[in-house]
Protein backbone atom coordinates (compact mmCIF):
# COMPACT_ATOMS: atom_id res chain seq x y z
CA UNK A 1 0.00 0.00 0.00
CA UNK A 2 2.74 2.48 0.85
CA UNK A 3 4.44 1.80 -2.46
CA UNK A 4 1.23 2.71 -4.27
CA UNK A 5 1.11 6.05 -2.47
CA UNK A 6 4.73 6.75 -3.35
CA UNK A 7 4.03 5.95 -7.00
CA UNK A 8 0.91 8.15 -7.01
CA UNK A 9 2.98 11.14 -5.84
CA UNK A 10 4.16 11.46 -9.45
CA UNK A 11 0.62 12.33 -10.48
CA UNK A 12 -1.10 13.85 -7.43
CA UNK A 13 -0.08 16.23 -4.67
CA UNK A 14 0.67 14.92 -1.19
CA UNK A 15 -2.30 16.89 0.13
CA UNK A 16 -4.75 15.18 -2.21
CA UNK A 17 -3.25 11.76 -1.46
CA UNK A 18 -3.56 12.37 2.27
CA UNK A 19 -7.22 13.28 1.87
CA UNK A 20 -7.85 10.27 -0.37
CA UNK A 21 -6.32 8.02 2.30
CA UNK A 22 -9.26 8.93 4.53
CA UNK A 23 -11.53 6.95 2.21
CA UNK A 24 -9.65 3.69 2.86
CA UNK A 25 -11.80 2.64 5.87
CA UNK A 26 -14.92 3.36 3.82
CA UNK A 27 -13.70 1.03 1.08
CA UNK A 28 -12.80 -1.62 3.64
CA UNK A 29 -16.30 -1.40 5.14
CA UNK A 30 -17.91 -1.78 1.72
CA UNK A 31 -15.66 -4.77 0.98
CA UNK A 32 -16.56 -6.35 4.35
CA UNK A 33 -20.24 -5.94 3.54
CA UNK A 34 -19.92 -7.42 0.04
CA UNK A 35 -17.55 -10.26 0.92
CA UNK A 36 -18.59 -11.23 4.44
CA UNK A 37 -22.06 -9.79 4.91
CA UNK A 38 -20.96 -7.55 7.78
CA UNK A 39 -23.56 -4.81 8.10
CA UNK A 40 -22.24 -1.51 9.50
CA UNK A 41 -24.22 0.36 12.13
CA UNK A 42 -26.25 3.42 11.20
CA UNK A 43 -23.74 5.73 12.88
CA UNK A 44 -20.92 4.08 10.91
CA UNK A 45 -22.79 4.63 7.64
CA UNK A 46 -23.37 8.27 8.58
CA UNK A 47 -19.65 8.66 9.27
CA UNK A 48 -18.78 7.05 5.93
CA UNK A 49 -21.08 9.45 4.10
CA UNK A 50 -19.54 12.40 5.93
CA UNK A 51 -16.02 11.25 5.03
CA UNK A 52 -16.94 10.75 1.37
CA UNK A 53 -18.57 14.18 1.15
CA UNK A 54 -15.49 15.79 2.68
CA UNK A 55 -13.12 13.94 0.35
CA UNK A 56 -15.26 14.89 -2.65
CA UNK A 57 -15.27 18.57 -1.68
CA UNK A 58 -11.48 18.60 -1.54
CA UNK A 59 -10.66 16.45 -4.55
CA UNK A 60 -13.14 17.72 -7.17
CA UNK A 61 -11.87 20.89 -8.92
CA UNK A 62 -13.58 24.20 -8.19
CA UNK A 63 -14.46 24.76 -11.84
CA UNK A 64 -16.58 21.58 -11.78
CA UNK A 65 -18.52 22.85 -8.75
CA UNK A 66 -19.19 26.15 -10.56
CA UNK A 67 -20.57 24.35 -13.59
CA UNK A 68 -22.65 21.99 -11.45
CA UNK A 69 -24.33 24.64 -9.30
CA UNK A 70 -24.54 27.49 -11.82
CA UNK A 71 -25.44 25.62 -14.99
CA UNK A 72 -22.18 25.99 -16.90
CA UNK A 73 -18.57 27.11 -16.75
CA UNK A 74 -17.88 30.61 -15.60
CA UNK A 75 -17.18 33.08 -18.40
CA UNK A 76 -13.69 33.87 -17.13
CA UNK A 77 -12.90 30.14 -16.79
CA UNK A 78 -14.14 29.02 -20.20
CA UNK A 79 -11.25 27.64 -22.25
CA UNK A 80 -10.54 29.62 -25.39
CA UNK A 81 -13.03 32.35 -24.53
CA UNK A 82 -10.43 35.08 -25.02
CA UNK A 83 -11.59 36.90 -21.87
CA UNK A 84 -8.92 38.96 -20.14
PDB file of N, CA and C in Angstrom:
ATOM      1  N   UNK A   1       0.800  -1.197   0.000  1.00  0.00           N
ATOM      2  CA  UNK A   1       0.000   0.000   0.000  1.00  0.00           C
ATOM      3  C   UNK A   1       0.842   1.261   0.000  1.00  0.00           C
ATOM      4  N   UNK A   2       1.898   1.282   0.796  1.00  0.00           N
ATOM      5  CA  UNK A   2       2.741   2.477   0.847  1.00  0.00           C
ATOM      6  C   UNK A   2       3.436   2.717  -0.483  1.00  0.00           C
ATOM      7  N   UNK A   3       3.811   1.650  -1.155  1.00  0.00           N
ATOM      8  CA  UNK A   3       4.442   1.797  -2.464  1.00  0.00           C
ATOM      9  C   UNK A   3       3.503   2.438  -3.469  1.00  0.00           C
ATOM     10  N   UNK A   4       2.220   2.116  -3.366  1.00  0.00           N
ATOM     11  CA  UNK A   4       1.229   2.710  -4.265  1.00  0.00           C
ATOM     12  C   UNK A   4       1.119   4.212  -4.028  1.00  0.00           C
ATOM     13  N   UNK A   5       1.157   4.615  -2.775  1.00  0.00           N
ATOM     14  CA  UNK A   5       1.106   6.046  -2.468  1.00  0.00           C
ATOM     15  C   UNK A   5       2.349   6.757  -2.994  1.00  0.00           C
ATOM     16  N   UNK A   6       3.499   6.140  -2.833  1.00  0.00           N
ATOM     17  CA  UNK A   6       4.731   6.747  -3.348  1.00  0.00           C
ATOM     18  C   UNK A   6       4.676   6.881  -4.863  1.00  0.00           C
ATOM     19  N   UNK A   7       4.165   5.885  -5.548  1.00  0.00           N
ATOM     20  CA  UNK A   7       4.028   5.945  -6.996  1.00  0.00           C
ATOM     21  C   UNK A   7       3.044   7.045  -7.403  1.00  0.00           C
ATOM     22  N   UNK A   8       1.943   7.161  -6.669  1.00  0.00           N
ATOM     23  CA  UNK A   8       0.911   8.145  -7.005  1.00  0.00           C
ATOM     24  C   UNK A   8       1.393   9.578  -6.814  1.00  0.00           C
ATOM     25  N   UNK A   9       2.453   9.788  -6.041  1.00  0.00           N
ATOM     26  CA  UNK A   9       2.984  11.138  -5.843  1.00  0.00           C
ATOM     27  C   UNK A   9       3.496  11.754  -7.138  1.00  0.00           C
ATOM     28  N   UNK A  10       3.761  10.931  -8.142  1.00  0.00           N
ATOM     29  CA  UNK A  10       4.157  11.464  -9.446  1.00  0.00           C
ATOM     30  C   UNK A  10       3.006  12.225 -10.091  1.00  0.00           C
ATOM     31  N   UNK A  11       1.789  11.815  -9.774  1.00  0.00           N
ATOM     32  CA  UNK A  11       0.624  12.332 -10.481  1.00  0.00           C
ATOM     33  C   UNK A  11      -0.284  13.213  -9.636  1.00  0.00           C
ATOM     34  N   UNK A  12      -0.237  13.081  -8.324  1.00  0.00           N
ATOM     35  CA  UNK A  12      -1.102  13.849  -7.428  1.00  0.00           C
ATOM     36  C   UNK A  12      -0.267  14.503  -6.337  1.00  0.00           C
ATOM     37  N   UNK A  13      -0.789  15.569  -5.760  1.00  0.00           N
ATOM     38  CA  UNK A  13      -0.076  16.227  -4.671  1.00  0.00           C
ATOM     39  C   UNK A  13      -0.214  15.404  -3.387  1.00  0.00           C
ATOM     40  N   UNK A  14       0.705  15.628  -2.475  1.00  0.00           N
ATOM     41  CA  UNK A  14       0.670  14.918  -1.190  1.00  0.00           C
ATOM     42  C   UNK A  14      -0.595  15.257  -0.407  1.00  0.00           C
ATOM     43  N   UNK A  15      -1.079  16.479  -0.553  1.00  0.00           N
ATOM     44  CA  UNK A  15      -2.300  16.891   0.132  1.00  0.00           C
ATOM     45  C   UNK A  15      -3.499  16.068  -0.344  1.00  0.00           C
ATOM     46  N   UNK A  16      -3.632  15.948  -1.650  1.00  0.00           N
ATOM     47  CA  UNK A  16      -4.750  15.183  -2.209  1.00  0.00           C
ATOM     48  C   UNK A  16      -4.633  13.716  -1.807  1.00  0.00           C
ATOM     49  N   UNK A  17      -3.434  13.160  -1.853  1.00  0.00           N
ATOM     50  CA  UNK A  17      -3.252  11.762  -1.458  1.00  0.00           C
ATOM     51  C   UNK A  17      -3.595  11.541   0.006  1.00  0.00           C
ATOM     52  N   UNK A  18      -3.227  12.487   0.851  1.00  0.00           N
ATOM     53  CA  UNK A  18      -3.563  12.374   2.271  1.00  0.00           C
ATOM     54  C   UNK A  18      -5.060  12.378   2.498  1.00  0.00           C
ATOM     55  N   UNK A  19      -5.762  13.229   1.762  1.00  0.00           N
ATOM     56  CA  UNK A  19      -7.219  13.279   1.875  1.00  0.00           C
ATOM     57  C   UNK A  19      -7.841  11.993   1.330  1.00  0.00           C
ATOM     58  N   UNK A  20      -7.329  11.510   0.201  1.00  0.00           N
ATOM     59  CA  UNK A  20      -7.855  10.272  -0.367  1.00  0.00           C
ATOM     60  C   UNK A  20      -7.639   9.079   0.562  1.00  0.00           C
ATOM     61  N   UNK A  21      -6.580   9.115   1.356  1.00  0.00           N
ATOM     62  CA  UNK A  21      -6.325   8.019   2.295  1.00  0.00           C
ATOM     63  C   UNK A  21      -7.438   7.893   3.335  1.00  0.00           C
ATOM     64  N   UNK A  22      -8.156   8.983   3.575  1.00  0.00           N
ATOM     65  CA  UNK A  22      -9.261   8.930   4.526  1.00  0.00           C
ATOM     66  C   UNK A  22     -10.401   8.039   4.042  1.00  0.00           C
ATOM     67  N   UNK A  23     -10.453   7.792   2.748  1.00  0.00           N
ATOM     68  CA  UNK A  23     -11.532   6.954   2.212  1.00  0.00           C
ATOM     69  C   UNK A  23     -11.211   5.460   2.307  1.00  0.00           C
ATOM     70  N   UNK A  24     -10.021   5.101   2.750  1.00  0.00           N
ATOM     71  CA  UNK A  24      -9.649   3.691   2.864  1.00  0.00           C
ATOM     72  C   UNK A  24     -10.567   2.901   3.809  1.00  0.00           C
ATOM     73  N   UNK A  25     -10.876   3.396   4.999  1.00  0.00           N
ATOM     74  CA  UNK A  25     -11.795   2.641   5.867  1.00  0.00           C
ATOM     75  C   UNK A  25     -13.194   2.485   5.268  1.00  0.00           C
ATOM     76  N   UNK A  26     -13.613   3.457   4.475  1.00  0.00           N
ATOM     77  CA  UNK A  26     -14.917   3.355   3.821  1.00  0.00           C
ATOM     78  C   UNK A  26     -14.890   2.196   2.829  1.00  0.00           C
ATOM     79  N   UNK A  27     -13.834   2.134   2.027  1.00  0.00           N
ATOM     80  CA  UNK A  27     -13.697   1.032   1.077  1.00  0.00           C
ATOM     81  C   UNK A  27     -13.611  -0.314   1.770  1.00  0.00           C
ATOM     82  N   UNK A  28     -12.911  -0.366   2.890  1.00  0.00           N
ATOM     83  CA  UNK A  28     -12.804  -1.620   3.643  1.00  0.00           C
ATOM     84  C   UNK A  28     -14.167  -2.042   4.201  1.00  0.00           C
ATOM     85  N   UNK A  29     -14.958  -1.077   4.627  1.00  0.00           N
ATOM     86  CA  UNK A  29     -16.301  -1.403   5.139  1.00  0.00           C
ATOM     87  C   UNK A  29     -17.211  -1.915   4.032  1.00  0.00           C
ATOM     88  N   UNK A  30     -17.108  -1.311   2.861  1.00  0.00           N
ATOM     89  CA  UNK A  30     -17.906  -1.782   1.723  1.00  0.00           C
ATOM     90  C   UNK A  30     -17.471  -3.193   1.335  1.00  0.00           C
ATOM     91  N   UNK A  31     -16.161  -3.434   1.308  1.00  0.00           N
ATOM     92  CA  UNK A  31     -15.658  -4.774   0.977  1.00  0.00           C
ATOM     93  C   UNK A  31     -16.116  -5.798   2.014  1.00  0.00           C
ATOM     94  N   UNK A  32     -16.103  -5.433   3.299  1.00  0.00           N
ATOM     95  CA  UNK A  32     -16.556  -6.350   4.348  1.00  0.00           C
ATOM     96  C   UNK A  32     -18.038  -6.679   4.179  1.00  0.00           C
ATOM     97  N   UNK A  33     -18.821  -5.692   3.772  1.00  0.00           N
ATOM     98  CA  UNK A  33     -20.244  -5.940   3.539  1.00  0.00           C
ATOM     99  C   UNK A  33     -20.441  -6.885   2.358  1.00  0.00           C
ATOM    100  N   UNK A  34     -19.735  -6.615   1.252  1.00  0.00           N
ATOM    101  CA  UNK A  34     -19.920  -7.419   0.042  1.00  0.00           C
ATOM    102  C   UNK A  34     -19.365  -8.834   0.190  1.00  0.00           C
ATOM    103  N   UNK A  35     -18.204  -8.950   0.841  1.00  0.00           N
ATOM    104  CA  UNK A  35     -17.545 -10.257   0.922  1.00  0.00           C
ATOM    105  C   UNK A  35     -18.033 -11.111   2.093  1.00  0.00           C
ATOM    106  N   UNK A  36     -18.296 -10.468   3.221  1.00  0.00           N
ATOM    107  CA  UNK A  36     -18.586 -11.230   4.436  1.00  0.00           C
ATOM    108  C   UNK A  36     -19.968 -10.983   5.017  1.00  0.00           C
ATOM    109  N   UNK A  37     -20.723 -10.075   4.411  1.00  0.00           N
ATOM    110  CA  UNK A  37     -22.063  -9.791   4.906  1.00  0.00           C
ATOM    111  C   UNK A  37     -22.091  -9.011   6.208  1.00  0.00           C
ATOM    112  N   UNK A  38     -20.992  -8.348   6.553  1.00  0.00           N
ATOM    113  CA  UNK A  38     -20.956  -7.547   7.778  1.00  0.00           C
ATOM    114  C   UNK A  38     -21.684  -6.230   7.535  1.00  0.00           C
ATOM    115  N   UNK A  39     -22.744  -6.006   8.275  1.00  0.00           N
ATOM    116  CA  UNK A  39     -23.557  -4.806   8.097  1.00  0.00           C
ATOM    117  C   UNK A  39     -23.091  -3.747   9.095  1.00  0.00           C
ATOM    118  N   UNK A  40     -22.671  -2.576   8.585  1.00  0.00           N
ATOM    119  CA  UNK A  40     -22.236  -1.511   9.501  1.00  0.00           C
ATOM    120  C   UNK A  40     -23.433  -0.890  10.227  1.00  0.00           C
ATOM    121  N   UNK A  41     -23.162  -0.319  11.372  1.00  0.00           N
ATOM    122  CA  UNK A  41     -24.221   0.357  12.126  1.00  0.00           C
ATOM    123  C   UNK A  41     -24.627   1.645  11.413  1.00  0.00           C
ATOM    124  N   UNK A  42     -25.755   2.188  11.814  1.00  0.00           N
ATOM    125  CA  UNK A  42     -26.250   3.418  11.198  1.00  0.00           C
ATOM    126  C   UNK A  42     -25.273   4.576  11.420  1.00  0.00           C
ATOM    127  N   UNK A  43     -24.698   4.654  12.593  1.00  0.00           N
ATOM    128  CA  UNK A  43     -23.742   5.730  12.876  1.00  0.00           C
ATOM    129  C   UNK A  43     -22.478   5.572  12.028  1.00  0.00           C
ATOM    130  N   UNK A  44     -22.084   4.319  11.763  1.00  0.00           N
ATOM    131  CA  UNK A  44     -20.917   4.081  10.909  1.00  0.00           C
ATOM    132  C   UNK A  44     -21.209   4.506   9.471  1.00  0.00           C
ATOM    133  N   UNK A  45     -22.407   4.214   8.991  1.00  0.00           N
ATOM    134  CA  UNK A  45     -22.787   4.631   7.638  1.00  0.00           C
ATOM    135  C   UNK A  45     -22.821   6.154   7.540  1.00  0.00           C
ATOM    136  N   UNK A  46     -23.351   6.806   8.567  1.00  0.00           N
ATOM    137  CA  UNK A  46     -23.368   8.272   8.582  1.00  0.00           C
ATOM    138  C   UNK A  46     -21.949   8.830   8.550  1.00  0.00           C
ATOM    139  N   UNK A  47     -21.047   8.231   9.289  1.00  0.00           N
ATOM    140  CA  UNK A  47     -19.652   8.660   9.272  1.00  0.00           C
ATOM    141  C   UNK A  47     -19.009   8.445   7.913  1.00  0.00           C
ATOM    142  N   UNK A  48     -19.326   7.318   7.266  1.00  0.00           N
ATOM    143  CA  UNK A  48     -18.776   7.049   5.933  1.00  0.00           C
ATOM    144  C   UNK A  48     -19.257   8.083   4.919  1.00  0.00           C
ATOM    145  N   UNK A  49     -20.536   8.431   5.009  1.00  0.00           N
ATOM    146  CA  UNK A  49     -21.079   9.445   4.104  1.00  0.00           C
ATOM    147  C   UNK A  49     -20.392  10.778   4.345  1.00  0.00           C
ATOM    148  N   UNK A  50     -20.203  11.144   5.588  1.00  0.00           N
ATOM    149  CA  UNK A  50     -19.541  12.396   5.926  1.00  0.00           C
ATOM    150  C   UNK A  50     -18.112  12.434   5.388  1.00  0.00           C
ATOM    151  N   UNK A  51     -17.393  11.334   5.544  1.00  0.00           N
ATOM    152  CA  UNK A  51     -16.017  11.254   5.028  1.00  0.00           C
ATOM    153  C   UNK A  51     -16.008  11.390   3.511  1.00  0.00           C
ATOM    154  N   UNK A  52     -16.905  10.688   2.832  1.00  0.00           N
ATOM    155  CA  UNK A  52     -16.942  10.748   1.371  1.00  0.00           C
ATOM    156  C   UNK A  52     -17.311  12.136   0.856  1.00  0.00           C
ATOM    157  N   UNK A  53     -18.219  12.808   1.544  1.00  0.00           N
ATOM    158  CA  UNK A  53     -18.569  14.178   1.153  1.00  0.00           C
ATOM    159  C   UNK A  53     -17.364  15.096   1.331  1.00  0.00           C
ATOM    160  N   UNK A  54     -16.671  14.979   2.446  1.00  0.00           N
ATOM    161  CA  UNK A  54     -15.486  15.795   2.679  1.00  0.00           C
ATOM    162  C   UNK A  54     -14.394  15.540   1.660  1.00  0.00           C
ATOM    163  N   UNK A  55     -14.144  14.281   1.350  1.00  0.00           N
ATOM    164  CA  UNK A  55     -13.123  13.943   0.351  1.00  0.00           C
ATOM    165  C   UNK A  55     -13.523  14.504  -1.010  1.00  0.00           C
ATOM    166  N   UNK A  56     -14.786  14.380  -1.361  1.00  0.00           N
ATOM    167  CA  UNK A  56     -15.257  14.891  -2.652  1.00  0.00           C
ATOM    168  C   UNK A  56     -15.095  16.399  -2.738  1.00  0.00           C
ATOM    169  N   UNK A  57     -15.407  17.106  -1.667  1.00  0.00           N
ATOM    170  CA  UNK A  57     -15.273  18.569  -1.676  1.00  0.00           C
ATOM    171  C   UNK A  57     -13.835  19.008  -1.882  1.00  0.00           C
ATOM    172  N   UNK A  58     -12.891  18.226  -1.400  1.00  0.00           N
ATOM    173  CA  UNK A  58     -11.484  18.597  -1.539  1.00  0.00           C
ATOM    174  C   UNK A  58     -10.924  18.187  -2.892  1.00  0.00           C
ATOM    175  N   UNK A  59     -11.302  17.021  -3.372  1.00  0.00           N
ATOM    176  CA  UNK A  59     -10.662  16.452  -4.551  1.00  0.00           C
ATOM    177  C   UNK A  59     -11.219  17.009  -5.862  1.00  0.00           C
ATOM    178  N   UNK A  60     -12.534  17.260  -5.926  1.00  0.00           N
ATOM    179  CA  UNK A  60     -13.141  17.723  -7.175  1.00  0.00           C
ATOM    180  C   UNK A  60     -12.753  19.184  -7.409  1.00  0.00           C
ATOM    181  N   UNK A  61     -12.308  19.507  -8.632  1.00  0.00           N
ATOM    182  CA  UNK A  61     -11.870  20.888  -8.919  1.00  0.00           C
ATOM    183  C   UNK A  61     -12.994  21.905  -8.767  1.00  0.00           C
ATOM    184  N   UNK A  62     -12.603  23.129  -8.408  1.00  0.00           N
ATOM    185  CA  UNK A  62     -13.585  24.197  -8.191  1.00  0.00           C
ATOM    186  C   UNK A  62     -14.374  24.490  -9.451  1.00  0.00           C
ATOM    187  N   UNK A  63     -13.741  24.430 -10.608  1.00  0.00           N
ATOM    188  CA  UNK A  63     -14.465  24.759 -11.835  1.00  0.00           C
ATOM    189  C   UNK A  63     -15.614  23.781 -12.074  1.00  0.00           C
ATOM    190  N   UNK A  64     -15.485  22.537 -11.627  1.00  0.00           N
ATOM    191  CA  UNK A  64     -16.584  21.580 -11.776  1.00  0.00           C
ATOM    192  C   UNK A  64     -17.750  21.982 -10.887  1.00  0.00           C
ATOM    193  N   UNK A  65     -17.437  22.435  -9.660  1.00  0.00           N
ATOM    194  CA  UNK A  65     -18.516  22.854  -8.753  1.00  0.00           C
ATOM    195  C   UNK A  65     -19.266  24.040  -9.335  1.00  0.00           C
ATOM    196  N   UNK A  66     -18.529  24.996  -9.950  1.00  0.00           N
ATOM    197  CA  UNK A  66     -19.188  26.149 -10.562  1.00  0.00           C
ATOM    198  C   UNK A  66     -20.145  25.702 -11.653  1.00  0.00           C
ATOM    199  N   UNK A  67     -19.703  24.783 -12.497  1.00  0.00           N
ATOM    200  CA  UNK A  67     -20.568  24.347 -13.593  1.00  0.00           C
ATOM    201  C   UNK A  67     -21.752  23.539 -13.068  1.00  0.00           C
ATOM    202  N   UNK A  68     -21.560  22.805 -12.000  1.00  0.00           N
ATOM    203  CA  UNK A  68     -22.647  21.988 -11.448  1.00  0.00           C
ATOM    204  C   UNK A  68     -23.742  22.859 -10.840  1.00  0.00           C
ATOM    205  N   UNK A  69     -23.347  23.854 -10.035  1.00  0.00           N
ATOM    206  CA  UNK A  69     -24.329  24.640  -9.303  1.00  0.00           C
ATOM    207  C   UNK A  69     -24.829  25.864 -10.065  1.00  0.00           C
ATOM    208  N   UNK A  70     -24.115  26.292 -11.100  1.00  0.00           N
ATOM    209  CA  UNK A  70     -24.544  27.486 -11.815  1.00  0.00           C
ATOM    210  C   UNK A  70     -24.895  27.209 -13.270  1.00  0.00           C
ATOM    211  N   UNK A  71     -24.954  25.962 -13.666  1.00  0.00           N
ATOM    212  CA  UNK A  71     -25.442  25.616 -14.986  1.00  0.00           C
ATOM    213  C   UNK A  71     -24.436  25.697 -16.112  1.00  0.00           C
ATOM    214  N   UNK A  72     -23.181  25.947 -15.836  1.00  0.00           N
ATOM    215  CA  UNK A  72     -22.181  25.991 -16.897  1.00  0.00           C
ATOM    216  C   UNK A  72     -20.902  26.608 -16.395  1.00  0.00           C
ATOM    217  N   UNK A  73     -19.840  26.517 -17.188  1.00  0.00           N
ATOM    218  CA  UNK A  73     -18.566  27.106 -16.747  1.00  0.00           C
ATOM    219  C   UNK A  73     -18.664  28.622 -16.645  1.00  0.00           C
ATOM    220  N   UNK A  74     -17.904  29.176 -15.752  1.00  0.00           N
ATOM    221  CA  UNK A  74     -17.876  30.613 -15.595  1.00  0.00           C
ATOM    222  C   UNK A  74     -17.248  31.241 -16.833  1.00  0.00           C
ATOM    223  N   UNK A  75     -17.666  32.450 -17.179  1.00  0.00           N
ATOM    224  CA  UNK A  75     -17.181  33.077 -18.395  1.00  0.00           C
ATOM    225  C   UNK A  75     -15.671  33.258 -18.372  1.00  0.00           C
ATOM    226  N   UNK A  76     -15.119  33.650 -17.211  1.00  0.00           N
ATOM    227  CA  UNK A  76     -13.686  33.868 -17.134  1.00  0.00           C
ATOM    228  C   UNK A  76     -12.900  32.562 -17.061  1.00  0.00           C
ATOM    229  N   UNK A  77     -13.577  31.414 -16.856  1.00  0.00           N
ATOM    230  CA  UNK A  77     -12.896  30.139 -16.787  1.00  0.00           C
ATOM    231  C   UNK A  77     -13.062  29.320 -18.054  1.00  0.00           C
ATOM    232  N   UNK A  78     -13.878  29.783 -18.992  1.00  0.00           N
ATOM    233  CA  UNK A  78     -14.139  29.017 -20.198  1.00  0.00           C
ATOM    234  C   UNK A  78     -12.871  28.959 -21.038  1.00  0.00           C
ATOM    235  N   UNK A  79     -12.456  27.756 -21.437  1.00  0.00           N
ATOM    236  CA  UNK A  79     -11.246  27.642 -22.246  1.00  0.00           C
ATOM    237  C   UNK A  79     -11.469  28.263 -23.623  1.00  0.00           C
ATOM    238  N   UNK A  80     -10.491  29.028 -24.066  1.00  0.00           N
ATOM    239  CA  UNK A  80     -10.544  29.622 -25.390  1.00  0.00           C
ATOM    240  C   UNK A  80     -11.546  30.753 -25.540  1.00  0.00           C
ATOM    241  N   UNK A  81     -12.026  31.295 -24.427  1.00  0.00           N
ATOM    242  CA  UNK A  81     -13.025  32.354 -24.534  1.00  0.00           C
ATOM    243  C   UNK A  81     -12.412  33.700 -24.904  1.00  0.00           C
ATOM    244  N   UNK A  82     -11.102  33.837 -24.688  1.00  0.00           N
ATOM    245  CA  UNK A  82     -10.432  35.085 -25.017  1.00  0.00           C
ATOM    246  C   UNK A  82     -10.679  36.179 -24.012  1.00  0.00           C
ATOM    247  N   UNK A  83     -11.321  35.884 -22.904  1.00  0.00           N
ATOM    248  CA  UNK A  83     -11.589  36.896 -21.869  1.00  0.00           C
ATOM    249  C   UNK A  83     -10.306  37.235 -21.146  1.00  0.00           C
ATOM    250  N   UNK A  84     -10.125  38.522 -20.869  1.00  0.00           N
ATOM    251  CA  UNK A  84      -8.921  38.960 -20.138  1.00  0.00           C
ATOM    252  C   UNK A  84      -9.238  39.181 -18.709  1.00  0.00           C
TER     253      UNK A  84
END
